[in-house]
Amino acid sequence: MYNIGNKLFVITLGYDESHAIRSLMLHNKLSEGDLVLFVVPRGGTKNERTREALRTIENVVRYSTTGRDFYEVLELDVPEKENPLGSFYKSLSRLSRTIIEKIKEINASEIIFDISGGMRILTVIGLLSAYIVSSRVPKRPVRIEIETEDKVMHVSIPTRVFNVILSSREMLVLRILEERGPMSAKDLKEETKMSRTTLYYTLRDLMKENLVENVQRKYRITETGKAILYLNVELERAFF
C-alpha cells in the first residue's frame, strides 16, 4: 500500500552501478512507498553485466526497504538504423507513459531522473522524458540529476526553472534579494520603490512558486529562485 509523499526515481543504467547507488544514497534511505525505475536497453536484463549491476544495487539498498521489492526494470528499444527517429520516439513515448502510470500507481509527489549512466541515447531519452512528464504533471516537482564524469559533483536541476518567465517586478525583487541577502518587507519596499500592495502581490507570487521564502519575518531568495533568476537574466541579455 503506497502513501502520498512517495518518490519515484528514474535511473538510466548500464554496466556500472556506482552512480545509481550514490544517487539513491544522496536521498537517504528509501521510504516504504518509494519506487526506483531502472531504464536499460532491450535485452539488458539478459546481459550478465547488467544483471550483476542490479544485484549489487539490490544488496546495497535493500537494507533500507524492509525487504520489499523497491525497483522495477524497463527495457527500451535502442533506435534502429532503418527507422532511427521512429524507434526513438517510440521509446520516448513508452518511457514517459510508464512513468506517468507509476506516478499514479504510487501517488508519487516527487519524480527524480538520474541520467548519469547507461547508453548516451538512453540518457537523451530520459532527459526529454523529464520535460514531457513535467508538463503532464505540473503540480509535482520533477528534477534532473547527473553526476560529473570525475564523480566529484552531483548536479540536481528542477525542470521548472526552464518554464518560469519572470515579470520585471519579480526580476527586481529577486535581484535585490540575491545581491543584498534577506530583507524585511519594509526594506524591500524602500529598495524597489513599489507600493505596499504591489510588493505584497509580487512577494506572494514569488513565494507561491517557491522562489522566495519568509524566514523570521525576512524574505530571502531560494536556490530555485537563484537558478530561475540567472536564466532569465541571461535570456534578457541575449534578446535585448
Protein backbone atom coordinates (compact mmCIF):
# COMPACT_ATOMS: atom_id res chain seq x y z
CA MET A 1 0.00 0.00 0.00
CA TYR A 2 1.62 3.25 -1.13
CA ASN A 3 1.17 6.59 0.64
CA ILE A 4 1.08 10.15 -0.66
CA GLY A 5 4.54 11.67 -0.44
CA ASN A 6 6.43 8.86 -2.17
CA LYS A 7 9.32 9.45 -4.54
CA LEU A 8 9.74 7.91 -7.97
CA PHE A 9 13.35 7.54 -9.12
CA VAL A 10 14.04 7.02 -12.82
CA ILE A 11 17.64 5.91 -13.38
CA THR A 12 19.34 5.07 -16.67
CA LEU A 13 21.59 2.09 -16.04
CA GLY A 14 24.50 0.49 -17.85
CA TYR A 15 27.16 -1.89 -16.57
CA ASP A 16 28.39 0.42 -13.79
CA GLU A 17 26.02 0.61 -10.84
CA SER A 18 28.09 3.00 -8.70
CA HIS A 19 26.35 6.19 -9.86
CA ALA A 20 22.92 4.69 -9.14
CA ILE A 21 23.95 3.72 -5.60
CA ARG A 22 25.41 7.18 -4.92
CA SER A 23 22.26 8.82 -6.28
CA LEU A 24 19.98 6.78 -4.03
CA MET A 25 22.22 7.29 -1.01
CA LEU A 26 22.16 11.06 -1.55
CA HIS A 27 18.43 10.92 -0.92
CA ASN A 28 18.96 8.99 2.31
CA LYS A 29 17.07 5.78 2.93
CA LEU A 30 14.23 4.87 0.60
CA SER A 31 10.85 5.24 2.24
CA GLU A 32 8.40 2.35 2.32
CA GLY A 33 6.47 3.59 -0.71
CA ASP A 34 9.33 4.85 -2.90
CA LEU A 35 9.96 3.15 -6.23
CA VAL A 36 13.04 3.03 -8.46
CA LEU A 37 12.57 2.50 -12.20
CA PHE A 38 15.79 1.41 -13.89
CA VAL A 39 15.92 2.08 -17.63
CA VAL A 40 18.04 -0.29 -19.72
CA PRO A 41 18.27 -1.15 -23.43
CA ARG A 42 16.20 -4.01 -24.83
CA GLY A 43 17.71 -7.31 -23.68
CA GLY A 44 19.52 -5.63 -20.81
CA THR A 45 18.06 -7.90 -18.16
CA LYS A 46 19.55 -10.88 -20.00
CA ASN A 47 23.00 -9.31 -20.04
CA GLU A 48 25.08 -10.71 -17.19
CA ARG A 49 26.91 -7.41 -16.52
CA THR A 50 23.62 -5.52 -16.21
CA ARG A 51 22.17 -8.24 -14.01
CA GLU A 52 25.25 -8.08 -11.80
CA ALA A 53 24.84 -4.30 -11.51
CA LEU A 54 21.22 -4.76 -10.42
CA ARG A 55 22.21 -7.41 -7.87
CA THR A 56 24.84 -5.09 -6.39
CA ILE A 57 22.34 -2.24 -6.11
CA GLU A 58 19.83 -4.56 -4.51
CA ASN A 59 22.33 -5.81 -1.94
CA VAL A 60 23.39 -2.28 -1.00
CA VAL A 61 19.98 -0.64 -0.92
CA ARG A 62 17.66 -3.40 0.28
CA TYR A 63 18.57 -2.92 3.95
CA SER A 64 16.57 0.32 3.92
CA THR A 65 13.47 -1.08 2.24
CA THR A 66 12.29 -3.61 4.84
CA GLY A 67 12.89 -6.47 2.42
CA ARG A 68 10.34 -5.42 -0.19
CA ASP A 69 10.94 -5.13 -3.94
CA PHE A 70 11.91 -1.48 -4.30
CA TYR A 71 12.64 -1.39 -8.03
CA GLU A 72 11.38 -2.32 -11.47
CA VAL A 73 13.25 -2.52 -14.77
CA LEU A 74 12.03 -1.04 -18.04
CA GLU A 75 13.68 -2.19 -21.26
CA LEU A 76 13.61 0.26 -24.15
CA ASP A 77 14.36 -0.31 -27.82
CA VAL A 78 17.53 1.43 -28.96
CA PRO A 79 16.93 3.42 -32.20
CA GLU A 80 17.40 1.23 -35.28
CA LYS A 81 19.30 2.14 -38.43
CA GLU A 82 16.26 1.52 -40.64
CA ASN A 83 13.99 3.90 -38.72
CA PRO A 84 16.02 5.79 -36.10
CA LEU A 85 13.51 8.59 -35.46
CA GLY A 86 10.52 6.28 -35.32
CA SER A 87 12.11 3.93 -32.80
CA PHE A 88 13.47 6.89 -30.81
CA TYR A 89 10.03 8.48 -30.43
CA LYS A 90 8.52 5.09 -29.65
CA SER A 91 10.96 4.56 -26.77
CA LEU A 92 10.46 8.14 -25.57
CA SER A 93 6.68 7.72 -25.56
CA ARG A 94 6.89 4.36 -23.80
CA LEU A 95 9.16 5.69 -21.06
CA SER A 96 7.02 8.80 -20.49
CA ARG A 97 3.78 6.78 -20.42
CA THR A 98 5.26 4.24 -17.99
CA ILE A 99 6.48 6.98 -15.65
CA ILE A 100 3.09 8.71 -15.58
CA GLU A 101 1.44 5.36 -14.84
CA LYS A 102 3.88 4.76 -11.96
CA ILE A 103 3.27 8.25 -10.58
CA LYS A 104 -0.43 7.42 -10.33
CA GLU A 105 0.23 3.94 -9.00
CA ILE A 106 2.36 5.03 -6.03
CA ASN A 107 0.93 8.54 -5.63
CA ALA A 108 4.41 9.97 -6.20
CA SER A 109 4.83 13.53 -5.01
CA GLU A 110 8.33 13.92 -6.48
CA ILE A 111 9.99 12.48 -9.58
CA ILE A 112 13.77 12.30 -9.86
CA PHE A 113 15.52 11.48 -13.13
CA ASP A 114 19.17 10.41 -12.78
CA ILE A 115 20.71 10.21 -16.24
CA SER A 116 24.33 9.70 -15.19
CA GLY A 117 24.70 6.15 -16.50
CA GLY A 118 23.81 3.89 -19.39
CA MET A 119 23.91 4.44 -23.13
CA ARG A 120 24.00 8.05 -24.31
CA ILE A 121 20.84 7.60 -26.35
CA LEU A 122 19.02 6.44 -23.21
CA THR A 123 20.21 9.48 -21.26
CA VAL A 124 18.83 11.73 -24.01
CA ILE A 125 15.52 9.86 -23.93
CA GLY A 126 15.50 10.20 -20.14
CA LEU A 127 16.20 13.93 -20.37
CA LEU A 128 13.41 14.57 -22.86
CA SER A 129 11.05 12.35 -20.89
CA ALA A 130 11.65 14.51 -17.80
CA TYR A 131 10.34 17.55 -19.68
CA ILE A 132 7.35 15.64 -21.01
CA VAL A 133 6.44 14.31 -17.57
CA SER A 134 6.92 17.75 -16.05
CA SER A 135 4.41 19.23 -18.49
CA ARG A 136 1.89 16.45 -17.82
CA VAL A 137 2.09 16.61 -14.02
CA PRO A 138 2.87 20.31 -13.43
CA LYS A 139 1.95 20.25 -9.74
CA ARG A 140 4.56 17.61 -8.89
CA PRO A 141 8.25 18.57 -8.79
CA VAL A 142 10.44 16.88 -11.37
CA ARG A 143 14.22 17.00 -11.05
CA ILE A 144 17.02 16.03 -13.43
CA GLU A 145 20.18 14.79 -11.75
CA ILE A 146 23.53 13.98 -13.26
CA GLU A 147 26.94 13.10 -11.88
CA THR A 148 30.09 14.58 -13.39
CA GLU A 149 32.47 12.15 -15.06
CA ASP A 150 35.08 12.57 -12.32
CA LYS A 151 32.34 11.69 -9.77
CA VAL A 152 33.12 14.83 -7.79
CA MET A 153 29.80 16.63 -8.26
CA HIS A 154 26.18 15.58 -8.38
CA VAL A 155 24.06 18.27 -10.05
CA SER A 156 20.32 18.46 -9.41
CA ILE A 157 18.15 20.68 -11.63
CA PRO A 158 14.39 21.23 -11.21
CA THR A 159 12.78 21.17 -14.66
CA ARG A 160 10.50 24.05 -13.73
CA VAL A 161 13.42 26.51 -13.91
CA PHE A 162 13.11 26.31 -17.69
CA ASN A 163 9.40 27.11 -17.68
CA VAL A 164 9.15 30.19 -15.47
CA ILE A 165 9.21 33.64 -17.09
CA LEU A 166 9.62 36.45 -14.59
CA SER A 167 7.90 39.82 -14.73
CA SER A 168 10.05 42.96 -14.41
CA ARG A 169 8.87 43.42 -10.80
CA GLU A 170 9.69 39.82 -9.90
CA MET A 171 13.13 40.17 -11.51
CA LEU A 172 13.76 43.31 -9.48
CA VAL A 173 12.83 41.70 -6.17
CA LEU A 174 14.93 38.59 -6.87
CA ARG A 175 17.92 40.65 -7.96
CA ILE A 176 17.82 42.75 -4.79
CA LEU A 177 17.48 39.68 -2.55
CA GLU A 178 20.32 37.95 -4.39
CA GLU A 179 22.61 40.97 -4.05
CA ARG A 180 21.66 42.18 -0.56
CA GLY A 181 20.59 38.99 1.19
CA PRO A 182 17.48 38.53 3.40
CA MET A 183 15.41 41.69 3.82
CA SER A 184 12.27 42.79 5.62
CA ALA A 185 9.19 43.89 3.68
CA LYS A 186 9.84 47.46 4.79
CA ASP A 187 13.41 47.46 3.44
CA LEU A 188 12.29 45.80 0.21
CA LYS A 189 9.63 48.46 -0.26
CA GLU A 190 12.27 51.17 0.06
CA GLU A 191 14.66 49.43 -2.31
CA THR A 192 12.12 48.55 -5.01
CA LYS A 193 10.11 51.79 -4.78
CA MET A 194 6.96 49.68 -5.12
CA SER A 195 3.73 50.40 -3.35
CA ARG A 196 2.90 48.21 -0.38
CA THR A 197 0.13 46.46 -2.33
CA THR A 198 2.27 45.81 -5.43
CA LEU A 199 5.11 44.43 -3.32
CA TYR A 200 2.69 42.23 -1.37
CA TYR A 201 1.32 40.58 -4.52
CA THR A 202 4.79 40.27 -6.06
CA LEU A 203 6.14 38.51 -2.97
CA ARG A 204 3.02 36.36 -2.75
CA ASP A 205 3.52 35.13 -6.33
CA LEU A 206 7.23 34.51 -5.80
CA MET A 207 6.58 32.54 -2.63
CA LYS A 208 3.85 30.55 -4.34
CA GLU A 209 6.44 29.45 -6.91
CA ASN A 210 8.98 28.71 -4.14
CA LEU A 211 11.36 31.36 -5.49
CA VAL A 212 11.30 33.37 -2.26
CA GLU A 213 10.73 32.27 1.34
CA ASN A 214 9.91 34.16 4.53
CA VAL A 215 12.18 33.23 7.43
CA GLN A 216 11.84 35.11 10.71
CA ARG A 217 9.99 37.97 9.00
CA LYS A 218 12.69 38.41 6.40
CA TYR A 219 12.39 37.44 2.75
CA ARG A 220 15.18 35.56 1.05
CA ILE A 221 15.70 34.05 -2.36
CA THR A 222 15.67 30.24 -2.61
CA GLU A 223 18.08 28.10 -4.63
CA THR A 224 15.35 27.60 -7.23
CA GLY A 225 14.84 31.35 -7.28
CA LYS A 226 18.54 31.90 -7.94
CA ALA A 227 18.53 29.41 -10.82
CA ILE A 228 15.48 30.99 -12.44
CA LEU A 229 16.90 34.49 -11.93
CA TYR A 230 20.20 33.56 -13.62
CA LEU A 231 18.40 32.00 -16.59
CA ASN A 232 16.10 34.98 -17.04
CA VAL A 233 18.98 37.44 -16.79
CA GLU A 234 20.97 35.59 -19.45
CA LEU A 235 17.95 35.32 -21.75
CA GLU A 236 17.26 39.01 -21.27
CA ARG A 237 20.83 39.82 -22.31
CA ALA A 238 20.59 37.53 -25.34
CA PHE A 239 17.39 39.06 -26.71
CA PHE A 240 17.76 42.66 -25.62
